[in-house]
Amino acid sequence: MQNSSTNTQKFILKFFPEIMIKGSSAKRQMIGQLYTNIITILGRISSDIKVRKFSDKIEVVVPKDIVTEVRLTLIQTSGIEQVLEVLQFDAMDTIDKIKIKVGEIVSKSLKNKTFVVRVKRTGTHSFKSTDIEQTVGGYLLANTQAKAVDLRNADITIKMELIESQLNIITQKYKGLSGFPIGTQGDILSLMSGGFDSTVASYLTMKRGIKTHFVFFNLGGMAHEIGVKQVALYLWSKFGSSHRVKFISIPFDNVLTEIFRSSAPTYMGVILKRLMLKASQKIAEELEIDALLTGESVAQVSSQTLRNLALIDKASDMLILRPLSTMNKPEIISIANEIGTRHFAESMPEYCGVISQNPITHGSYKRVEKEAKKFNYDVLDKALQDAQHIYVDEIIDDVSNLAPVEVVSDLSSGNFTVIDIRSEDECIKTSSESIKIPFHKLKTEFDKLPKDKQYLLYCEKGIMSQLHAQYLRDAKNIKNVRVYRP
């Protein structure tokens, strides 16, 4: 019977090749962790999903009505090299049964097309894989309107796996995220600004199987903090939700004031980065995290020359990973495009650069130590005492409590225009007037709207709405905007 039920879809998950070349103990541990991660993530979607673990693959059987959501989730789970959609048939113990069943499934798709049959066989049989390929190929050529068999450049490749008497016909193949399963490579603390670099660096460590926590140094007020929480939640939800991770927000405005008081203008950028590393190391040590992560790229800005990076590193004796160190900006933006963080980054203010005044590009070891001694570290200690720790999965509730922007749930209580700020093509349907302005265009397009109306910003979870409503109120003194959350 196909997939045990006509109402289900089966996926076969192939492991990241680097997993398969590990020693038996490490391989077993990684496959076990991936299995646990998949159970955790898919369990949030439905309790009707069935997951089975094998030495060389994981099989997932899901109800047809959630196939799209499950497929996307599996493609975005680290440790998976390929996601195969298959049709499963049991009791396929002869080549004659196999050829007839394959013919039923693929005959219509072969019209006027060249094809080739590829088979992978596991178990004990009286025939070889090549026997299946030749017999099925001959049967299809004789009993369909296929043009010809082409072993090298076929229009259609019919892929099958025969496991004992179970036949799996592969209908679709998707590239997975690759990398190691999260939970197998330890923890890291990402210095998150919300811009292109820190978000892409965080994605790369999550993809590699590293449990990635976030620390944010607030230099830009509430709107900036909400924005960074928003992108941290996005990254975690999409690529790392198998494990709970922390988001730590450290108020750094008084630290910045103390830098202005104590540091030479040319060294302010370097001193700021050193203080961020010092604070991050203390947080990491408290959480028993072994390494720090930054999005720095060599020579991208003045504080990221090799000499200045070396000066900054002197402030910490903890391992610091910089996966973007040799990437250029177009490469980084390309990855941001692929993973969906570009629009977040484009709307995120960068505050680190505002204190640079003729910044030094080749600092002195002796001079930076002299500048560092002038800083009052009581200010840094106070910032660390005031740091707020939450789990990333608590961000939605946290942002709702944090932002003073009014939330409207009932449209009948006033004459509102709902602005759907999601980036997708779909638009919310309400009984009130609604318009579509993607969040990354809102700052410019909002100015063109009539000033005498009341506006409600809408997004799926309310986080971007809070951020941008707060921005419009704080930065542009716009009072006629609130958040709509049905």
Protein backbone atom coordinates (compact mmCIF):
# COMPACT_ATOMS: atom_id res chain seq x y z
CA MET A 1 0.00 0.00 0.00
CA GLN A 2 1.34 3.41 -0.89
CA ASN A 3 2.83 5.15 2.18
CA SER A 4 0.62 2.89 4.34
CA SER A 5 -2.24 5.31 3.51
CA THR A 6 -3.29 7.40 0.53
CA ASN A 7 -3.57 10.36 2.92
CA THR A 8 0.11 10.43 3.87
CA GLN A 9 3.41 11.46 2.28
CA LYS A 10 6.75 9.83 2.99
CA PHE A 11 10.09 11.66 3.15
CA ILE A 12 13.53 10.01 3.19
CA LEU A 13 16.25 12.17 4.76
CA LYS A 14 19.87 11.62 3.70
CA PHE A 15 22.57 12.67 6.14
CA PHE A 16 25.26 15.31 5.63
CA PRO A 17 28.23 13.35 4.15
CA GLU A 18 30.65 14.49 6.88
CA ILE A 19 28.45 12.69 9.40
CA MET A 20 28.84 9.40 7.54
CA ILE A 21 32.66 9.49 7.56
CA LYS A 22 32.89 9.93 11.34
CA GLY A 23 33.85 7.07 13.63
CA SER A 24 31.02 4.74 14.61
CA SER A 25 30.48 6.33 18.04
CA ALA A 26 30.43 9.93 16.75
CA LYS A 27 28.23 8.97 13.81
CA ARG A 28 25.75 7.20 16.07
CA GLN A 29 25.64 10.21 18.40
CA MET A 30 25.06 12.68 15.55
CA ILE A 31 22.32 10.60 13.94
CA GLY A 32 20.67 10.20 17.34
CA GLN A 33 20.81 13.96 17.92
CA LEU A 34 19.35 14.68 14.47
CA TYR A 35 16.54 12.20 15.14
CA THR A 36 15.80 13.93 18.46
CA ASN A 37 15.89 17.37 16.80
CA ILE A 38 13.45 16.27 14.11
CA ILE A 39 11.08 14.77 16.70
CA THR A 40 11.16 18.07 18.64
CA ILE A 41 10.61 20.35 15.65
CA LEU A 42 7.97 18.27 13.86
CA GLY A 43 6.18 17.59 17.13
CA ARG A 44 5.18 21.25 17.18
CA ILE A 45 3.50 20.83 13.80
CA SER A 46 1.52 17.63 14.43
CA SER A 47 1.45 14.62 16.72
CA ASP A 48 0.44 12.48 13.73
CA ILE A 49 3.92 12.60 12.14
CA LYS A 50 5.84 9.31 12.25
CA VAL A 51 9.67 9.34 12.34
CA ARG A 52 11.92 6.25 12.00
CA LYS A 53 15.71 6.18 12.34
CA PHE A 54 18.07 3.96 10.34
CA SER A 55 21.86 3.77 10.11
CA ASP A 56 21.97 5.64 6.78
CA LYS A 57 18.73 7.66 6.70
CA ILE A 58 15.67 8.88 8.58
CA GLU A 59 12.15 8.29 7.28
CA VAL A 60 9.28 10.68 8.00
CA VAL A 61 5.63 9.96 7.19
CA VAL A 62 3.23 12.90 7.44
CA PRO A 63 -0.45 13.63 6.74
CA LYS A 64 -0.94 15.12 3.27
CA ASP A 65 -2.44 18.39 4.59
CA ILE A 66 0.85 19.44 6.27
CA VAL A 67 3.32 18.23 3.62
CA THR A 68 4.39 21.74 2.55
CA GLU A 69 5.12 22.92 6.09
CA VAL A 70 7.00 19.73 6.97
CA ARG A 71 9.03 19.80 3.75
CA LEU A 72 10.18 23.38 4.38
CA THR A 73 11.04 22.55 8.00
CA LEU A 74 13.14 19.54 6.98
CA ILE A 75 14.99 21.50 4.28
CA GLN A 76 15.96 24.07 6.93
CA THR A 77 17.18 21.55 9.53
CA SER A 78 20.96 21.22 9.84
CA GLY A 79 22.40 17.72 9.42
CA ILE A 80 20.22 16.85 6.42
CA GLU A 81 21.89 16.72 2.99
CA GLN A 82 18.85 15.72 0.90
CA VAL A 83 15.11 15.56 1.43
CA LEU A 84 13.49 12.98 -0.85
CA GLU A 85 9.75 12.70 -1.38
CA VAL A 86 8.83 9.11 -2.13
CA LEU A 87 5.91 6.84 -2.90
CA GLN A 88 6.15 3.64 -0.87
CA PHE A 89 4.79 0.26 -1.93
CA ASP A 90 5.08 -2.98 0.03
CA ALA A 91 5.22 -6.63 -1.11
CA MET A 92 7.22 -5.74 -4.22
CA ASP A 93 9.12 -9.05 -4.18
CA THR A 94 9.38 -9.69 -7.94
CA ILE A 95 10.59 -7.64 -10.87
CA ASP A 96 7.23 -8.14 -12.61
CA LYS A 97 5.39 -6.51 -9.70
CA ILE A 98 7.91 -3.67 -9.66
CA LYS A 99 7.68 -2.90 -13.39
CA ILE A 100 3.87 -2.83 -13.35
CA LYS A 101 3.73 -0.54 -10.32
CA VAL A 102 6.35 1.83 -11.76
CA GLY A 103 4.41 1.93 -15.03
CA GLU A 104 1.24 2.93 -13.18
CA ILE A 105 3.03 5.82 -11.50
CA VAL A 106 5.21 7.30 -14.27
CA SER A 107 3.62 6.41 -17.62
CA LYS A 108 1.87 9.76 -18.19
CA SER A 109 5.01 11.79 -17.45
CA LEU A 110 7.07 9.92 -20.08
CA LYS A 111 5.12 11.00 -23.16
CA ASN A 112 7.61 12.11 -25.88
CA LYS A 113 10.44 12.13 -23.29
CA THR A 114 13.69 10.20 -22.98
CA PHE A 115 14.23 8.44 -19.67
CA VAL A 116 16.56 6.29 -17.61
CA VAL A 117 15.89 4.02 -14.62
CA ARG A 118 18.23 4.09 -11.60
CA VAL A 119 17.85 1.62 -8.72
CA LYS A 120 19.50 1.28 -5.30
CA ARG A 121 18.86 -2.15 -3.75
CA THR A 122 19.26 -3.31 -0.13
CA GLY A 123 18.59 -6.83 1.11
CA THR A 124 18.55 -10.36 -0.29
CA HIS A 125 17.07 -10.84 -3.76
CA SER A 126 17.36 -13.30 -6.62
CA PHE A 127 18.08 -10.43 -9.00
CA LYS A 128 20.50 -7.49 -9.21
CA SER A 129 19.87 -3.74 -9.40
CA THR A 130 20.83 -3.77 -13.08
CA ASP A 131 18.22 -6.48 -13.72
CA ILE A 132 15.53 -4.18 -12.30
CA GLU A 133 16.77 -1.20 -14.32
CA GLN A 134 16.82 -3.13 -17.61
CA THR A 135 13.49 -4.90 -17.09
CA VAL A 136 11.62 -1.79 -15.92
CA GLY A 137 13.20 0.30 -18.69
CA GLY A 138 12.19 -2.20 -21.36
CA TYR A 139 8.66 -2.46 -19.97
CA LEU A 140 8.20 1.33 -19.92
CA LEU A 141 9.58 1.71 -23.44
CA ALA A 142 7.14 -0.90 -24.75
CA ASN A 143 4.07 0.20 -22.80
CA THR A 144 4.24 4.01 -22.71
CA GLN A 145 4.68 6.82 -25.25
CA ALA A 146 8.25 7.49 -24.15
CA LYS A 147 10.65 8.55 -26.90
CA ALA A 148 13.65 6.43 -25.92
CA VAL A 149 16.00 5.29 -23.17
CA ASP A 150 18.97 7.63 -22.74
CA LEU A 151 21.59 6.54 -20.22
CA ARG A 152 23.52 9.85 -20.22
CA ASN A 153 21.25 12.81 -20.91
CA ALA A 154 17.71 11.64 -20.19
CA ASP A 155 14.85 14.10 -19.84
CA ILE A 156 13.53 12.11 -16.88
CA THR A 157 15.42 9.98 -14.37
CA ILE A 158 13.25 7.43 -12.56
CA LYS A 159 14.88 6.82 -9.18
CA MET A 160 13.92 3.91 -6.94
CA GLU A 161 15.09 2.22 -3.76
CA LEU A 162 14.23 -1.42 -3.07
CA ILE A 163 14.66 -2.39 0.59
CA GLU A 164 13.86 -6.09 0.88
CA SER A 165 10.32 -6.07 -0.58
CA GLN A 166 9.57 -2.41 0.04
CA LEU A 167 9.73 -0.22 -3.08
CA ASN A 168 10.30 3.53 -2.76
CA ILE A 169 9.82 5.58 -5.94
CA ILE A 170 11.49 8.97 -5.54
CA THR A 171 9.23 11.71 -6.92
CA GLN A 172 11.05 14.86 -5.76
CA LYS A 173 14.51 15.68 -4.43
CA TYR A 174 15.38 18.81 -2.42
CA LYS A 175 18.76 20.08 -1.23
CA GLY A 176 18.97 20.20 2.54
CA LEU A 177 20.80 22.67 4.78
CA SER A 178 23.74 20.24 5.28
CA GLY A 179 25.99 20.79 8.30
CA PHE A 180 25.91 18.96 11.60
CA PRO A 181 22.83 18.58 13.82
CA ILE A 182 22.43 21.36 16.37
CA GLY A 183 23.45 20.07 19.77
CA THR A 184 26.51 18.17 18.56
CA GLN A 185 29.04 21.04 18.39
CA GLY A 186 28.61 22.94 21.64
CA ASP A 187 27.38 26.50 22.32
CA ILE A 188 28.47 29.90 21.08
CA LEU A 189 27.49 33.48 21.97
CA SER A 190 26.84 35.71 18.95
CA LEU A 191 27.40 39.46 19.23
CA MET A 192 24.22 40.46 17.41
CA SER A 193 23.65 43.94 15.97
CA GLY A 194 20.86 42.85 13.61
CA GLY A 195 22.72 44.00 10.48
CA PHE A 196 23.85 41.88 7.54
CA ASP A 197 27.06 40.57 9.07
CA SER A 198 26.01 39.38 12.51
CA THR A 199 22.85 37.70 11.20
CA VAL A 200 24.71 35.81 8.44
CA ALA A 201 27.48 34.79 10.87
CA SER A 202 24.83 33.45 13.28
CA TYR A 203 23.16 31.49 10.49
CA LEU A 204 26.49 29.89 9.52
CA THR A 205 27.20 28.65 13.04
CA MET A 206 23.66 27.31 13.39
CA LYS A 207 24.08 25.53 10.07
CA ARG A 208 27.30 23.97 11.35
CA GLY A 209 25.45 22.48 14.32
CA ILE A 210 26.46 25.04 16.95
CA LYS A 211 23.82 26.09 19.46
CA THR A 212 23.87 29.86 18.93
CA HIS A 213 22.85 32.29 21.70
CA PHE A 214 22.61 36.06 21.17
CA VAL A 215 23.94 39.08 23.05
CA PHE A 216 22.83 42.57 22.03
CA PHE A 217 24.45 45.85 23.11
CA ASN A 218 21.71 48.45 23.08
CA LEU A 219 22.98 51.77 21.77
CA GLY A 220 19.85 52.76 19.86
CA GLY A 221 16.86 52.59 22.18
CA MET A 222 13.76 50.45 22.29
CA ALA A 223 13.08 50.30 18.54
CA HIS A 224 16.56 48.95 17.84
CA GLU A 225 16.22 46.31 20.55
CA ILE A 226 12.86 45.14 19.18
CA GLY A 227 14.40 44.93 15.71
CA VAL A 228 17.29 42.76 16.86
CA LYS A 229 14.98 40.51 18.86
CA GLN A 230 12.85 40.16 15.77
CA VAL A 231 15.70 38.91 13.57
CA ALA A 232 17.06 36.66 16.35
CA LEU A 233 13.63 35.04 16.64
CA TYR A 234 13.47 34.66 12.86
CA LEU A 235 16.84 32.90 12.69
CA TRP A 236 16.05 30.63 15.63
CA SER A 237 12.57 29.75 14.37
CA LYS A 238 13.85 28.90 10.91
CA PHE A 239 17.17 27.18 11.57
CA GLY A 240 17.62 26.42 15.28
CA SER A 241 14.35 25.78 17.08
CA SER A 242 15.30 22.26 18.20
CA HIS A 243 17.05 23.83 21.23
CA ARG A 244 16.25 26.73 23.54
CA VAL A 245 18.78 29.57 23.38
CA LYS A 246 19.24 32.80 25.30
CA PHE A 247 18.90 36.43 24.19
CA ILE A 248 20.79 38.84 26.43
CA SER A 249 20.28 42.58 26.09
CA ILE A 250 22.92 44.84 27.69
CA PRO A 251 22.22 48.60 28.01
CA PHE A 252 25.34 50.21 26.60
CA ASP A 253 24.35 53.88 26.45
CA ASN A 254 26.23 54.78 29.65
CA VAL A 255 29.22 52.78 28.43
CA LEU A 256 29.18 54.86 25.28
CA THR A 257 29.03 58.06 27.35
CA GLU A 258 32.03 56.89 29.37
CA ILE A 259 33.95 56.14 26.14
CA PHE A 260 33.34 59.71 24.99
CA ARG A 261 34.62 60.97 28.32
CA SER A 262 37.71 58.81 28.63
CA SER A 263 38.93 57.81 25.14
CA ALA A 264 40.76 59.60 22.37
CA PRO A 265 38.38 60.11 19.41
CA THR A 266 40.51 58.07 17.00
CA TYR A 267 40.40 55.03 19.32
CA MET A 268 36.73 55.13 20.30
CA GLY A 269 35.62 52.45 17.80
CA VAL A 270 38.32 50.01 18.90
CA ILE A 271 37.63 50.67 22.59
CA LEU A 272 33.90 50.06 22.07
CA LYS A 273 34.52 46.69 20.39
CA ARG A 274 36.97 45.70 23.16
CA LEU A 275 34.36 46.48 25.81
CA MET A 276 31.76 44.46 23.92
CA LEU A 277 34.12 41.48 23.93
CA LYS A 278 34.85 41.89 27.65
CA ALA A 279 31.13 41.98 28.44
CA SER A 280 30.40 39.06 26.12
CA GLN A 281 33.08 36.93 27.73
CA LYS A 282 31.57 37.50 31.18
CA ILE A 283 28.12 36.54 29.90
CA ALA A 284 29.53 33.47 28.12
CA GLU A 285 31.37 32.32 31.22
CA GLU A 286 28.19 32.64 33.29
CA LEU A 287 26.33 30.49 30.73
CA GLU A 288 29.26 28.03 30.38
CA ILE A 289 29.65 28.89 26.69
CA ASP A 290 33.06 28.20 25.18
CA ALA A 291 33.31 30.70 22.31
CA LEU A 292 32.19 34.08 20.97
CA LEU A 293 30.96 34.87 17.46
CA THR A 294 31.19 38.12 15.51
CA GLY A 295 30.31 39.15 11.97
CA GLU A 296 33.55 41.02 11.38
CA SER A 297 35.12 40.93 7.92
CA VAL A 298 38.72 41.97 7.34
CA ALA A 299 39.03 45.64 6.26
CA GLN A 300 35.29 46.19 5.90
CA VAL A 301 35.44 49.12 8.34
CA SER A 302 38.24 50.86 10.19
CA SER A 303 37.97 48.70 13.33
CA GLN A 304 38.31 45.54 11.22
CA THR A 305 41.82 45.89 9.84
CA LEU A 306 44.05 43.02 10.90
CA ARG A 307 45.91 45.21 13.37
CA ASN A 308 42.74 46.58 14.94
CA LEU A 309 41.15 43.12 15.14
CA ALA A 310 44.29 41.99 16.95
CA LEU A 311 43.97 44.94 19.36
CA ILE A 312 40.33 44.09 19.97
CA ASP A 313 41.10 40.40 20.58
CA LYS A 314 43.53 41.35 23.35
CA ALA A 315 40.51 42.32 25.47
CA SER A 316 39.39 38.68 25.73
CA ASP A 317 41.11 35.33 26.14
CA MET A 318 38.09 33.42 24.85
CA LEU A 319 37.92 31.70 21.47
CA ILE A 320 36.39 34.10 18.90
CA LEU A 321 34.97 32.80 15.61
CA ARG A 322 34.68 35.12 12.60
CA PRO A 323 33.17 33.06 9.75
CA LEU A 324 32.86 36.14 7.50
CA SER A 325 36.46 37.26 7.93
CA THR A 326 37.40 36.74 4.26
CA MET A 327 33.99 37.42 2.67
CA ASN A 328 33.15 40.63 0.84
CA LYS A 329 29.89 42.52 1.27
CA PRO A 330 28.17 41.25 -1.91
CA GLU A 331 28.85 37.66 -0.77
CA ILE A 332 27.39 38.38 2.65
CA ILE A 333 24.32 40.11 1.17
CA SER A 334 23.82 37.15 -1.17
CA ILE A 335 23.59 34.78 1.80
CA ALA A 336 21.25 37.21 3.58
CA ASN A 337 19.03 37.09 0.49
CA GLU A 338 18.99 33.30 0.51
CA ILE A 339 18.09 32.97 4.18
CA GLY A 340 15.56 35.82 4.26
CA THR A 341 17.34 38.31 6.53
CA ARG A 342 18.17 41.01 3.98
CA HIS A 343 15.09 43.14 4.63
CA PHE A 344 15.61 42.91 8.38
CA ALA A 345 19.19 44.10 7.99
CA GLU A 346 18.30 46.93 5.62
CA SER A 347 15.85 48.36 8.13
CA MET A 348 18.21 47.99 11.09
CA PRO A 349 20.18 51.02 12.32
CA GLU A 350 23.91 50.56 12.82
CA TYR A 351 25.01 52.52 15.84
CA CYS A 352 28.59 51.31 16.23
CA GLY A 353 29.84 53.63 13.51
CA VAL A 354 28.36 56.85 14.88
CA ILE A 355 31.18 57.42 17.38
CA SER A 356 34.02 57.13 14.87
CA GLN A 357 35.95 60.36 14.42
CA ASN A 358 38.90 59.99 12.05
CA PRO A 359 39.30 56.41 13.32
CA ILE A 360 42.71 54.83 13.53
CA THR A 361 43.24 51.99 11.05
CA HIS A 362 46.56 50.71 12.40
CA GLY A 363 46.37 51.14 16.13
CA SER A 364 49.20 50.85 18.64
CA TYR A 365 49.27 48.08 21.26
CA LYS A 366 50.76 50.43 23.83
CA ARG A 367 48.32 53.25 23.00
CA VAL A 368 45.21 51.07 23.19
CA GLU A 369 46.25 49.74 26.59
CA LYS A 370 46.79 53.33 27.73
CA GLU A 371 43.33 54.31 26.48
CA ALA A 372 41.77 51.24 28.08
CA LYS A 373 43.16 52.18 31.52
CA LYS A 374 41.36 55.54 31.41
CA PHE A 375 37.95 53.84 31.20
CA ASN A 376 35.90 53.50 34.39
CA TYR A 377 35.03 49.79 34.42
CA ASP A 378 32.40 50.30 37.11
CA VAL A 379 30.21 51.54 34.25
CA LEU A 380 30.69 48.27 32.37
CA ASP A 381 29.97 46.25 35.51
CA LYS A 382 26.75 48.21 36.04
CA ALA A 383 25.68 47.52 32.44
CA LEU A 384 26.24 43.81 33.00
CA GLN A 385 24.22 43.93 36.23
CA ASP A 386 21.34 45.54 34.31
CA ALA A 387 21.47 43.02 31.45
CA GLN A 388 18.19 41.28 30.68
CA HIS A 389 18.19 37.53 29.96
CA ILE A 390 15.30 35.83 28.17
CA TYR A 391 14.92 32.76 25.99
CA VAL A 392 14.47 33.50 22.30
CA ASP A 393 11.14 31.65 22.26
CA GLU A 394 9.87 34.18 24.84
CA ILE A 395 10.55 37.17 22.57
CA ILE A 396 6.98 37.53 21.29
CA ASP A 397 5.58 37.97 24.79
CA ASP A 398 8.56 40.08 25.81
CA VAL A 399 8.14 42.52 22.90
CA SER A 400 4.43 42.79 23.61
CA ASN A 401 5.20 43.83 27.18
CA LEU A 402 8.16 46.03 26.22
CA ALA A 403 6.61 48.27 23.59
CA PRO A 404 4.22 51.00 24.72
CA VAL A 405 2.50 51.14 21.33
CA GLU A 406 -1.19 50.35 21.73
CA VAL A 407 -2.39 47.01 20.36
CA VAL A 408 -5.85 46.85 18.76
CA SER A 409 -7.64 43.52 18.44
CA ASP A 410 -11.17 44.62 17.52
CA LEU A 411 -11.55 46.65 14.32
CA SER A 412 -15.13 47.61 15.17
CA SER A 413 -13.88 49.97 17.88
CA GLY A 414 -12.78 52.63 15.38
CA ASN A 415 -12.28 53.68 11.77
CA PHE A 416 -8.91 52.12 10.95
CA THR A 417 -6.81 51.45 7.87
CA VAL A 418 -4.88 48.21 8.29
CA ILE A 419 -1.39 48.16 6.74
CA ASP A 420 -0.14 44.63 6.06
CA ILE A 421 3.65 44.93 6.38
CA ARG A 422 4.52 41.29 5.64
CA SER A 423 6.87 40.74 2.71
CA GLU A 424 4.77 37.93 1.21
CA ASP A 425 2.41 38.49 -1.70
CA GLU A 426 -0.70 37.70 0.33
CA CYS A 427 -2.69 40.53 1.88
CA ILE A 428 -4.84 40.38 5.00
CA LYS A 429 -8.61 40.42 4.50
CA THR A 430 -10.52 42.50 7.02
CA SER A 431 -13.86 44.26 7.21
CA SER A 432 -11.96 47.55 7.34
CA GLU A 433 -9.85 49.19 4.66
CA SER A 434 -6.49 47.47 4.19
CA ILE A 435 -3.40 48.22 2.13
CA LYS A 436 -0.11 46.44 1.49
CA ILE A 437 3.24 48.06 2.33
CA PRO A 438 6.13 45.60 2.98
CA PHE A 439 7.97 46.49 6.18
CA HIS A 440 11.19 47.37 4.37
CA LYS A 441 9.34 50.11 2.42
CA LEU A 442 7.28 51.42 5.32
CA LYS A 443 9.64 54.18 6.43
CA THR A 444 9.46 55.93 3.05
CA GLU A 445 5.93 54.99 1.95
CA PHE A 446 4.19 55.94 5.20
CA ASP A 447 4.95 59.62 4.59
CA LYS A 448 2.83 59.48 1.42
CA LEU A 449 -0.33 58.35 3.24
CA PRO A 450 -3.13 60.74 4.28
CA LYS A 451 -2.36 62.28 7.66
CA ASP A 452 -5.97 62.38 8.89
CA LYS A 453 -6.44 58.60 9.19
CA GLN A 454 -5.71 56.08 11.95
CA TYR A 455 -3.37 53.25 10.89
CA LEU A 456 -2.83 49.76 12.27
CA LEU A 457 0.28 47.81 11.33
CA TYR A 458 -0.20 44.07 10.87
CA CYS A 459 2.24 41.16 10.61
CA GLU A 460 1.85 37.49 11.40
CA LYS A 461 3.22 37.52 14.96
CA GLY A 462 3.10 41.23 15.78
CA ILE A 463 6.83 41.70 16.31
CA MET A 464 7.68 43.65 13.15
CA SER A 465 4.53 45.69 13.68
CA GLN A 466 5.72 46.67 17.16
CA LEU A 467 9.16 47.58 15.86
CA HIS A 468 8.00 49.76 13.01
CA ALA A 469 5.18 51.42 14.91
CA GLN A 470 7.73 52.29 17.59
CA TYR A 471 10.11 53.63 14.95
CA LEU A 472 7.44 55.82 13.33
CA ARG A 473 6.51 57.23 16.72
CA ASP A 474 10.03 57.81 18.00
CA ALA A 475 11.89 58.84 14.86
CA LYS A 476 9.14 60.67 12.97
CA ASN A 477 6.81 61.75 15.79
CA ILE A 478 3.87 60.03 14.12
CA LYS A 479 1.04 59.46 16.59
CA ASN A 480 -1.70 57.96 14.37
CA VAL A 481 -0.20 54.48 14.19
CA ARG A 482 -0.87 51.42 16.35
CA VAL A 483 -0.55 47.64 16.06
CA TYR A 484 -3.29 45.27 14.88
CA ARG A 485 -3.26 41.80 16.41
CA PRO A 486 -6.50 39.84 15.79
